[in-house]
């Protein structure tokens, strides 16, 4: 599972009936007592699983960056 700024990023790819791919990202923040998650999707569909996952990771990183400095 990739890490970014101390958080875990997981991707969940899904192949559509037409053979194209979509991908969901999950941002997981593990603390000593809490697991907090945030989910979203990469926009669009992609020809390959790898393209879909890369797009989802970029979107997840963008969401993390938009949160501002981590404490």
PDB file of N, CA and C in Angstrom:
ATOM      1  N   UNK A   1       0.849  -1.165   0.000  1.00  0.00           N
ATOM      2  CA  UNK A   1       0.000   0.000   0.000  1.00  0.00           C
ATOM      3  C   UNK A   1       0.902   1.238   0.000  1.00  0.00           C
ATOM      4  N   UNK A   2       0.738   2.121  -0.990  1.00  0.00           N
ATOM      5  CA  UNK A   2       1.563   3.328  -1.041  1.00  0.00           C
ATOM      6  C   UNK A   2       1.299   4.251   0.152  1.00  0.00           C
ATOM      7  N   UNK A   3       2.336   4.985   0.540  1.00  0.00           N
ATOM      8  CA  UNK A   3       2.230   5.972   1.612  1.00  0.00           C
ATOM      9  C   UNK A   3       2.460   7.353   1.018  1.00  0.00           C
ATOM     10  N   UNK A   4       1.783   8.348   1.574  1.00  0.00           N
ATOM     11  CA  UNK A   4       1.966   9.732   1.150  1.00  0.00           C
ATOM     12  C   UNK A   4       1.713  10.624   2.353  1.00  0.00           C
ATOM     13  N   UNK A   5       2.721  11.376   2.733  1.00  0.00           N
ATOM     14  CA  UNK A   5       2.632  12.302   3.870  1.00  0.00           C
ATOM     15  C   UNK A   5       2.098  11.619   5.128  1.00  0.00           C
ATOM     16  N   UNK A   6       2.588  10.418   5.393  1.00  0.00           N
ATOM     17  CA  UNK A   6       2.219   9.701   6.605  1.00  0.00           C
ATOM     18  C   UNK A   6       0.888   8.978   6.546  1.00  0.00           C
ATOM     19  N   UNK A   7       0.201   9.033   5.419  1.00  0.00           N
ATOM     20  CA  UNK A   7      -1.088   8.363   5.266  1.00  0.00           C
ATOM     21  C   UNK A   7      -0.947   7.206   4.285  1.00  0.00           C
ATOM     22  N   UNK A   8      -1.845   6.256   4.383  1.00  0.00           N
ATOM     23  CA  UNK A   8      -1.860   5.121   3.465  1.00  0.00           C
ATOM     24  C   UNK A   8      -2.861   5.418   2.358  1.00  0.00           C
ATOM     25  N   UNK A   9      -2.474   5.109   1.121  1.00  0.00           N
ATOM     26  CA  UNK A   9      -3.368   5.252  -0.027  1.00  0.00           C
ATOM     27  C   UNK A   9      -3.578   3.871  -0.633  1.00  0.00           C
ATOM     28  N   UNK A  10      -4.812   3.477  -0.765  1.00  0.00           N
ATOM     29  CA  UNK A  10      -5.135   2.185  -1.363  1.00  0.00           C
ATOM     30  C   UNK A  10      -6.001   2.439  -2.590  1.00  0.00           C
ATOM     31  N   UNK A  11      -5.822   1.623  -3.628  1.00  0.00           N
ATOM     32  CA  UNK A  11      -6.664   1.738  -4.815  1.00  0.00           C
ATOM     33  C   UNK A  11      -7.508   0.487  -4.977  1.00  0.00           C
ATOM     34  N   UNK A  12      -8.708   0.683  -5.512  1.00  0.00           N
ATOM     35  CA  UNK A  12      -9.623  -0.423  -5.793  1.00  0.00           C
ATOM     36  C   UNK A  12     -10.073  -0.256  -7.239  1.00  0.00           C
ATOM     37  N   UNK A  13      -9.506  -1.064  -8.131  1.00  0.00           N
ATOM     38  CA  UNK A  13      -9.798  -0.962  -9.558  1.00  0.00           C
ATOM     39  C   UNK A  13     -11.001  -1.826  -9.922  1.00  0.00           C
ATOM     40  N   UNK A  14     -11.717  -1.391 -10.960  1.00  0.00           N
ATOM     41  CA  UNK A  14     -12.897  -2.108 -11.427  1.00  0.00           C
ATOM     42  C   UNK A  14     -12.924  -2.058 -12.954  1.00  0.00           C
ATOM     43  N   UNK A  15     -13.011  -3.236 -13.579  1.00  0.00           N
ATOM     44  CA  UNK A  15     -13.102  -3.267 -15.036  1.00  0.00           C
ATOM     45  C   UNK A  15     -14.565  -3.207 -15.462  1.00  0.00           C
ATOM     46  N   UNK A  16     -14.863  -2.300 -16.387  1.00  0.00           N
ATOM     47  CA  UNK A  16     -16.216  -2.115 -16.892  1.00  0.00           C
ATOM     48  C   UNK A  16     -16.527  -3.146 -17.976  1.00  0.00           C
ATOM     49  N   UNK A  17     -17.796  -3.273 -18.329  1.00  0.00           N
ATOM     50  CA  UNK A  17     -18.205  -4.235 -19.354  1.00  0.00           C
ATOM     51  C   UNK A  17     -17.532  -3.971 -20.694  1.00  0.00           C
ATOM     52  N   UNK A  18     -17.226  -2.709 -20.996  1.00  0.00           N
ATOM     53  CA  UNK A  18     -16.587  -2.380 -22.275  1.00  0.00           C
ATOM     54  C   UNK A  18     -15.072  -2.580 -22.250  1.00  0.00           C
ATOM     55  N   UNK A  19     -14.541  -3.093 -21.128  1.00  0.00           N
ATOM     56  CA  UNK A  19     -13.115  -3.373 -21.017  1.00  0.00           C
ATOM     57  C   UNK A  19     -12.294  -2.237 -20.438  1.00  0.00           C
ATOM     58  N   UNK A  20     -12.889  -1.067 -20.285  1.00  0.00           N
ATOM     59  CA  UNK A  20     -12.170   0.059 -19.699  1.00  0.00           C
ATOM     60  C   UNK A  20     -12.151  -0.085 -18.179  1.00  0.00           C
ATOM     61  N   UNK A  21     -11.340   0.738 -17.526  1.00  0.00           N
ATOM     62  CA  UNK A  21     -11.135   0.630 -16.085  1.00  0.00           C
ATOM     63  C   UNK A  21     -11.500   1.927 -15.376  1.00  0.00           C
ATOM     64  N   UNK A  22     -12.044   1.802 -14.179  1.00  0.00           N
ATOM     65  CA  UNK A  22     -12.222   2.909 -13.247  1.00  0.00           C
ATOM     66  C   UNK A  22     -11.486   2.526 -11.970  1.00  0.00           C
ATOM     67  N   UNK A  23     -11.261   3.497 -11.113  1.00  0.00           N
ATOM     68  CA  UNK A  23     -10.533   3.178  -9.886  1.00  0.00           C
ATOM     69  C   UNK A  23     -10.949   4.118  -8.766  1.00  0.00           C
ATOM     70  N   UNK A  24     -11.107   3.544  -7.602  1.00  0.00           N
ATOM     71  CA  UNK A  24     -11.428   4.276  -6.387  1.00  0.00           C
ATOM     72  C   UNK A  24     -10.156   4.371  -5.557  1.00  0.00           C
ATOM     73  N   UNK A  25      -9.997   5.485  -4.841  1.00  0.00           N
ATOM     74  CA  UNK A  25      -8.894   5.575  -3.878  1.00  0.00           C
ATOM     75  C   UNK A  25      -9.473   5.605  -2.476  1.00  0.00           C
ATOM     76  N   UNK A  26      -8.695   5.098  -1.531  1.00  0.00           N
ATOM     77  CA  UNK A  26      -9.062   5.153  -0.121  1.00  0.00           C
ATOM     78  C   UNK A  26      -7.857   5.714   0.625  1.00  0.00           C
ATOM     79  N   UNK A  27      -8.067   6.812   1.358  1.00  0.00           N
ATOM     80  CA  UNK A  27      -7.024   7.405   2.196  1.00  0.00           C
ATOM     81  C   UNK A  27      -7.264   6.895   3.607  1.00  0.00           C
ATOM     82  N   UNK A  28      -6.263   6.246   4.179  1.00  0.00           N
ATOM     83  CA  UNK A  28      -6.413   5.670   5.509  1.00  0.00           C
ATOM     84  C   UNK A  28      -5.413   6.333   6.447  1.00  0.00           C
ATOM     85  N   UNK A  29      -5.936   6.864   7.551  1.00  0.00           N
ATOM     86  CA  UNK A  29      -5.117   7.518   8.569  1.00  0.00           C
ATOM     87  C   UNK A  29      -5.171   6.661   9.827  1.00  0.00           C
ATOM     88  N   UNK A  30      -4.091   5.938  10.101  1.00  0.00           N
ATOM     89  CA  UNK A  30      -4.014   5.108  11.299  1.00  0.00           C
ATOM     90  C   UNK A  30      -3.397   5.926  12.433  1.00  0.00           C
ATOM     91  N   UNK A  31      -4.106   6.018  13.540  1.00  0.00           N
ATOM     92  CA  UNK A  31      -3.521   6.592  14.748  1.00  0.00           C
ATOM     93  C   UNK A  31      -3.510   5.481  15.794  1.00  0.00           C
ATOM     94  N   UNK A  32      -3.116   5.808  17.001  1.00  0.00           N
ATOM     95  CA  UNK A  32      -3.029   4.775  18.034  1.00  0.00           C
ATOM     96  C   UNK A  32      -4.373   4.121  18.316  1.00  0.00           C
ATOM     97  N   UNK A  33      -5.453   4.879  18.247  1.00  0.00           N
ATOM     98  CA  UNK A  33      -6.753   4.316  18.619  1.00  0.00           C
ATOM     99  C   UNK A  33      -7.821   4.440  17.539  1.00  0.00           C
ATOM    100  N   UNK A  34      -7.524   5.138  16.445  1.00  0.00           N
ATOM    101  CA  UNK A  34      -8.557   5.418  15.444  1.00  0.00           C
ATOM    102  C   UNK A  34      -8.043   5.098  14.047  1.00  0.00           C
ATOM    103  N   UNK A  35      -8.914   4.544  13.227  1.00  0.00           N
ATOM    104  CA  UNK A  35      -8.649   4.413  11.800  1.00  0.00           C
ATOM    105  C   UNK A  35      -9.678   5.285  11.095  1.00  0.00           C
ATOM    106  N   UNK A  36      -9.205   6.281  10.373  1.00  0.00           N
ATOM    107  CA  UNK A  36     -10.091   7.208   9.673  1.00  0.00           C
ATOM    108  C   UNK A  36      -9.886   7.018   8.181  1.00  0.00           C
ATOM    109  N   UNK A  37     -10.966   6.977   7.417  1.00  0.00           N
ATOM    110  CA  UNK A  37     -10.848   6.774   5.980  1.00  0.00           C
ATOM    111  C   UNK A  37     -11.588   7.825   5.183  1.00  0.00           C
ATOM    112  N   UNK A  38     -11.112   8.073   3.996  1.00  0.00           N
ATOM    113  CA  UNK A  38     -11.738   8.992   3.056  1.00  0.00           C
ATOM    114  C   UNK A  38     -11.673   8.322   1.688  1.00  0.00           C
ATOM    115  N   UNK A  39     -12.800   8.281   0.974  1.00  0.00           N
ATOM    116  CA  UNK A  39     -12.847   7.605  -0.319  1.00  0.00           C
ATOM    117  C   UNK A  39     -13.207   8.583  -1.424  1.00  0.00           C
ATOM    118  N   UNK A  40     -12.779   8.243  -2.628  1.00  0.00           N
ATOM    119  CA  UNK A  40     -13.143   9.014  -3.807  1.00  0.00           C
ATOM    120  C   UNK A  40     -12.794   8.226  -5.051  1.00  0.00           C
ATOM    121  N   UNK A  41     -13.127   8.781  -6.201  1.00  0.00           N
ATOM    122  CA  UNK A  41     -12.867   8.120  -7.477  1.00  0.00           C
ATOM    123  C   UNK A  41     -12.021   9.018  -8.366  1.00  0.00           C
ATOM    124  N   UNK A  42     -11.201   8.375  -9.193  1.00  0.00           N
ATOM    125  CA  UNK A  42     -10.543   9.096 -10.271  1.00  0.00           C
ATOM    126  C   UNK A  42     -11.603   9.428 -11.313  1.00  0.00           C
ATOM    127  N   UNK A  43     -11.504  10.586 -11.932  1.00  0.00           N
ATOM    128  CA  UNK A  43     -12.463  10.964 -12.968  1.00  0.00           C
ATOM    129  C   UNK A  43     -12.248  10.127 -14.223  1.00  0.00           C
ATOM    130  N   UNK A  44     -13.328   9.716 -14.844  1.00  0.00           N
ATOM    131  CA  UNK A  44     -13.260   9.045 -16.132  1.00  0.00           C
ATOM    132  C   UNK A  44     -12.962   7.565 -16.051  1.00  0.00           C
ATOM    133  N   UNK A  45     -12.762   6.990 -17.237  1.00  0.00           N
ATOM    134  CA  UNK A  45     -12.373   5.588 -17.342  1.00  0.00           C
ATOM    135  C   UNK A  45     -11.116   5.526 -18.204  1.00  0.00           C
ATOM    136  N   UNK A  46     -10.380   4.446 -18.066  1.00  0.00           N
ATOM    137  CA  UNK A  46      -9.051   4.349 -18.658  1.00  0.00           C
ATOM    138  C   UNK A  46      -8.887   3.032 -19.400  1.00  0.00           C
ATOM    139  N   UNK A  47      -7.981   3.025 -20.373  1.00  0.00           N
ATOM    140  CA  UNK A  47      -7.753   1.839 -21.195  1.00  0.00           C
ATOM    141  C   UNK A  47      -7.116   0.705 -20.398  1.00  0.00           C
ATOM    142  N   UNK A  48      -6.308   1.047 -19.396  1.00  0.00           N
ATOM    143  CA  UNK A  48      -5.633   0.005 -18.620  1.00  0.00           C
ATOM    144  C   UNK A  48      -5.864   0.205 -17.130  1.00  0.00           C
ATOM    145  N   UNK A  49      -5.697  -0.886 -16.411  1.00  0.00           N
ATOM    146  CA  UNK A  49      -5.809  -0.836 -14.949  1.00  0.00           C
ATOM    147  C   UNK A  49      -4.747   0.095 -14.365  1.00  0.00           C
ATOM    148  N   UNK A  50      -3.537   0.020 -14.923  1.00  0.00           N
ATOM    149  CA  UNK A  50      -2.433   0.826 -14.414  1.00  0.00           C
ATOM    150  C   UNK A  50      -2.726   2.319 -14.546  1.00  0.00           C
ATOM    151  N   UNK A  51      -3.312   2.736 -15.686  1.00  0.00           N
ATOM    152  CA  UNK A  51      -3.666   4.146 -15.873  1.00  0.00           C
ATOM    153  C   UNK A  51      -4.730   4.580 -14.867  1.00  0.00           C
ATOM    154  N   UNK A  52      -5.714   3.729 -14.642  1.00  0.00           N
ATOM    155  CA  UNK A  52      -6.784   4.044 -13.689  1.00  0.00           C
ATOM    156  C   UNK A  52      -6.230   4.170 -12.278  1.00  0.00           C
ATOM    157  N   UNK A  53      -5.352   3.236 -11.882  1.00  0.00           N
ATOM    158  CA  UNK A  53      -4.770   3.288 -10.541  1.00  0.00           C
ATOM    159  C   UNK A  53      -3.884   4.520 -10.368  1.00  0.00           C
ATOM    160  N   UNK A  54      -3.094   4.851 -11.395  1.00  0.00           N
ATOM    161  CA  UNK A  54      -2.230   6.030 -11.313  1.00  0.00           C
ATOM    162  C   UNK A  54      -3.067   7.299 -11.161  1.00  0.00           C
ATOM    163  N   UNK A  55      -4.172   7.381 -11.879  1.00  0.00           N
ATOM    164  CA  UNK A  55      -5.053   8.543 -11.767  1.00  0.00           C
ATOM    165  C   UNK A  55      -5.678   8.625 -10.378  1.00  0.00           C
ATOM    166  N   UNK A  56      -6.098   7.492  -9.832  1.00  0.00           N
ATOM    167  CA  UNK A  56      -6.686   7.474  -8.491  1.00  0.00           C
ATOM    168  C   UNK A  56      -5.658   7.892  -7.440  1.00  0.00           C
ATOM    169  N   UNK A  57      -4.417   7.438  -7.580  1.00  0.00           N
ATOM    170  CA  UNK A  57      -3.373   7.844  -6.634  1.00  0.00           C
ATOM    171  C   UNK A  57      -3.108   9.345  -6.726  1.00  0.00           C
ATOM    172  N   UNK A  58      -3.074   9.894  -7.944  1.00  0.00           N
ATOM    173  CA  UNK A  58      -2.891  11.344  -8.096  1.00  0.00           C
ATOM    174  C   UNK A  58      -4.024  12.107  -7.412  1.00  0.00           C
ATOM    175  N   UNK A  59      -5.252  11.639  -7.604  1.00  0.00           N
ATOM    176  CA  UNK A  59      -6.400  12.314  -6.994  1.00  0.00           C
ATOM    177  C   UNK A  59      -6.343  12.207  -5.470  1.00  0.00           C
ATOM    178  N   UNK A  60      -5.972  11.038  -4.952  1.00  0.00           N
ATOM    179  CA  UNK A  60      -5.834  10.872  -3.507  1.00  0.00           C
ATOM    180  C   UNK A  60      -4.777  11.799  -2.928  1.00  0.00           C
ATOM    181  N   UNK A  61      -3.645  11.931  -3.625  1.00  0.00           N
ATOM    182  CA  UNK A  61      -2.595  12.852  -3.169  1.00  0.00           C
ATOM    183  C   UNK A  61      -3.086  14.297  -3.207  1.00  0.00           C
ATOM    184  N   UNK A  62      -3.853  14.641  -4.243  1.00  0.00           N
ATOM    185  CA  UNK A  62      -4.400  15.998  -4.341  1.00  0.00           C
ATOM    186  C   UNK A  62      -5.314  16.299  -3.148  1.00  0.00           C
ATOM    187  N   UNK A  63      -6.142  15.327  -2.781  1.00  0.00           N
ATOM    188  CA  UNK A  63      -7.041  15.498  -1.631  1.00  0.00           C
ATOM    189  C   UNK A  63      -6.231  15.680  -0.348  1.00  0.00           C
ATOM    190  N   UNK A  64      -5.198  14.870  -0.171  1.00  0.00           N
ATOM    191  CA  UNK A  64      -4.341  14.993   1.014  1.00  0.00           C
ATOM    192  C   UNK A  64      -3.689  16.373   1.047  1.00  0.00           C
ATOM    193  N   UNK A  65      -3.156  16.818  -0.091  1.00  0.00           N
ATOM    194  CA  UNK A  65      -2.507  18.135  -0.155  1.00  0.00           C
ATOM    195  C   UNK A  65      -3.485  19.259   0.167  1.00  0.00           C
ATOM    196  N   UNK A  66      -4.748  19.096  -0.212  1.00  0.00           N
ATOM    197  CA  UNK A  66      -5.738  20.152   0.022  1.00  0.00           C
ATOM    198  C   UNK A  66      -6.107  20.283   1.497  1.00  0.00           C
ATOM    199  N   UNK A  67      -5.769  19.287   2.301  1.00  0.00           N
ATOM    200  CA  UNK A  67      -6.056  19.336   3.740  1.00  0.00           C
ATOM    201  C   UNK A  67      -5.141  20.286   4.482  1.00  0.00           C
ATOM    202  N   UNK A  68      -4.032  20.652   3.874  1.00  0.00           N
ATOM    203  CA  UNK A  68      -3.074  21.531   4.545  1.00  0.00           C
ATOM    204  C   UNK A  68      -2.091  20.720   5.372  1.00  0.00           C
ATOM    205  N   UNK A  69      -1.278  21.415   6.175  1.00  0.00           N
ATOM    206  CA  UNK A  69      -0.251  20.733   6.975  1.00  0.00           C
ATOM    207  C   UNK A  69      -0.858  19.710   7.934  1.00  0.00           C
ATOM    208  N   UNK A  70      -0.183  18.590   8.042  1.00  0.00           N
ATOM    209  CA  UNK A  70      -0.611  17.537   8.970  1.00  0.00           C
ATOM    210  C   UNK A  70      -0.026  17.848  10.338  1.00  0.00           C
ATOM    211  N   UNK A  71      -0.798  17.620  11.405  1.00  0.00           N
ATOM    212  CA  UNK A  71      -0.288  17.883  12.755  1.00  0.00           C
ATOM    213  C   UNK A  71       0.365  16.677  13.341  1.00  0.00           C
TER     214      UNK A  71
END
